[in-house]
Amino acid sequence: MSAVYRITEKKCATCRWWNGERGIEFRANQPYYVKVGNSSSTCMAKSNGSASAATVCPKWTRWEKI
């Protein structure tokens, strides 16, 4: 199941530390959405612990590609 998150949301899917598969959807030549294929993956900020794409943690940092 896939999920879509706006780039302004502070979710694991938009965080630089999340290792899951994801892609960017553009609108007017600007990044607008992050599409996630798998809803859970590992998180480098949590010592490679499991994290859901919808999770938020205090170590959130914007993904450099957005």
C-alpha atoms as a PDB file:
ATOM      1  CA  MET A   1       0.000   0.000   0.000  1.00  0.00           C
ATOM      2  CA  SER A   2       1.329   3.433  -0.822  1.00  0.00           C
ATOM      3  CA  ALA A   3       0.955   6.720   1.000  1.00  0.00           C
ATOM      4  CA  VAL A   4       1.385  10.362   0.021  1.00  0.00           C
ATOM      5  CA  TYR A   5       2.643  13.148   2.304  1.00  0.00           C
ATOM      6  CA  ARG A   6       3.062  16.866   1.642  1.00  0.00           C
ATOM      7  CA  ILE A   7       6.654  18.047   1.905  1.00  0.00           C
ATOM      8  CA  THR A   8       5.642  20.401   4.721  1.00  0.00           C
ATOM      9  CA  GLU A   9       4.584  17.521   6.994  1.00  0.00           C
ATOM     10  CA  LYS A  10       7.094  16.508   9.658  1.00  0.00           C
ATOM     11  CA  LYS A  11       6.757  12.760   9.118  1.00  0.00           C
ATOM     12  CA  CYS A  12       9.382  10.039   8.774  1.00  0.00           C
ATOM     13  CA  ALA A  13       8.602   9.920   5.044  1.00  0.00           C
ATOM     14  CA  THR A  14       9.929  13.487   4.654  1.00  0.00           C
ATOM     15  CA  CYS A  15      12.901  13.040   6.999  1.00  0.00           C
ATOM     16  CA  ARG A  16      16.508  12.578   5.888  1.00  0.00           C
ATOM     17  CA  TRP A  17      17.083   9.727   8.384  1.00  0.00           C
ATOM     18  CA  TRP A  18      14.335   7.434   7.043  1.00  0.00           C
ATOM     19  CA  ASN A  19      15.664   4.701   4.699  1.00  0.00           C
ATOM     20  CA  GLY A  20      12.428   3.650   3.040  1.00  0.00           C
ATOM     21  CA  GLU A  21      11.715   3.753  -0.669  1.00  0.00           C
ATOM     22  CA  ARG A  22      10.118   7.049  -1.691  1.00  0.00           C
ATOM     23  CA  GLY A  23       9.729   9.437  -4.567  1.00  0.00           C
ATOM     24  CA  ILE A  24       8.893  13.085  -5.122  1.00  0.00           C
ATOM     25  CA  GLU A  25       5.921  14.477  -7.048  1.00  0.00           C
ATOM     26  CA  PHE A  26       6.361  17.958  -8.491  1.00  0.00           C
ATOM     27  CA  ARG A  27       3.800  20.722  -9.032  1.00  0.00           C
ATOM     28  CA  ALA A  28       4.783  23.865 -10.958  1.00  0.00           C
ATOM     29  CA  ASN A  29       8.389  22.567 -11.053  1.00  0.00           C
ATOM     30  CA  GLN A  30       8.602  22.483  -7.247  1.00  0.00           C
ATOM     31  CA  PRO A  31       8.580  19.448  -4.920  1.00  0.00           C
ATOM     32  CA  TYR A  32       5.060  19.078  -3.501  1.00  0.00           C
ATOM     33  CA  TYR A  33       4.447  15.491  -2.351  1.00  0.00           C
ATOM     34  CA  VAL A  34       6.522  12.553  -1.138  1.00  0.00           C
ATOM     35  CA  LYS A  35       5.144   9.187  -2.248  1.00  0.00           C
ATOM     36  CA  VAL A  36       6.023   6.182  -0.118  1.00  0.00           C
ATOM     37  CA  GLY A  37       5.735   2.615  -1.390  1.00  0.00           C
ATOM     38  CA  ASN A  38       6.346   0.696   1.842  1.00  0.00           C
ATOM     39  CA  SER A  39       4.937   2.233   5.015  1.00  0.00           C
ATOM     40  CA  SER A  40       7.765   1.095   7.335  1.00  0.00           C
ATOM     41  CA  SER A  41      11.538   0.997   7.132  1.00  0.00           C
ATOM     42  CA  THR A  42      14.623   1.599   9.226  1.00  0.00           C
ATOM     43  CA  CYS A  43      15.560   4.942  10.739  1.00  0.00           C
ATOM     44  CA  MET A  44      19.219   5.907  11.145  1.00  0.00           C
ATOM     45  CA  ALA A  45      18.319   8.414  13.890  1.00  0.00           C
ATOM     46  CA  LYS A  46      16.855   5.569  15.969  1.00  0.00           C
ATOM     47  CA  SER A  47      19.962   3.349  15.640  1.00  0.00           C
ATOM     48  CA  ASN A  48      18.424   1.601  12.610  1.00  0.00           C
ATOM     49  CA  GLY A  49      15.241   0.825  14.517  1.00  0.00           C
ATOM     50  CA  SER A  50      11.940   0.384  12.711  1.00  0.00           C
ATOM     51  CA  ALA A  51       9.901   3.485  11.858  1.00  0.00           C
ATOM     52  CA  SER A  52       6.594   4.028  10.087  1.00  0.00           C
ATOM     53  CA  ALA A  53       6.357   6.604   7.289  1.00  0.00           C
ATOM     54  CA  ALA A  54       3.710   8.473   9.302  1.00  0.00           C
ATOM     55  CA  THR A  55       5.747   8.588  12.532  1.00  0.00           C
ATOM     56  CA  VAL A  56       7.235  11.802  13.894  1.00  0.00           C
ATOM     57  CA  CYS A  57      10.251  11.951  16.186  1.00  0.00           C
ATOM     58  CA  PRO A  58      12.228  14.795  17.819  1.00  0.00           C
ATOM     59  CA  LYS A  59      15.211  14.107  15.514  1.00  0.00           C
ATOM     60  CA  TRP A  60      13.261  14.994  12.336  1.00  0.00           C
ATOM     61  CA  THR A  61      15.352  16.788   9.697  1.00  0.00           C
ATOM     62  CA  ARG A  62      14.030  17.743   6.253  1.00  0.00           C
ATOM     63  CA  TRP A  63      15.033  15.311   3.500  1.00  0.00           C
ATOM     64  CA  GLU A  64      17.689  17.103   1.418  1.00  0.00           C
ATOM     65  CA  LYS A  65      15.961  16.247  -1.895  1.00  0.00           C
ATOM     66  CA  ILE A  66      12.905  18.334  -0.988  1.00  0.00           C
END
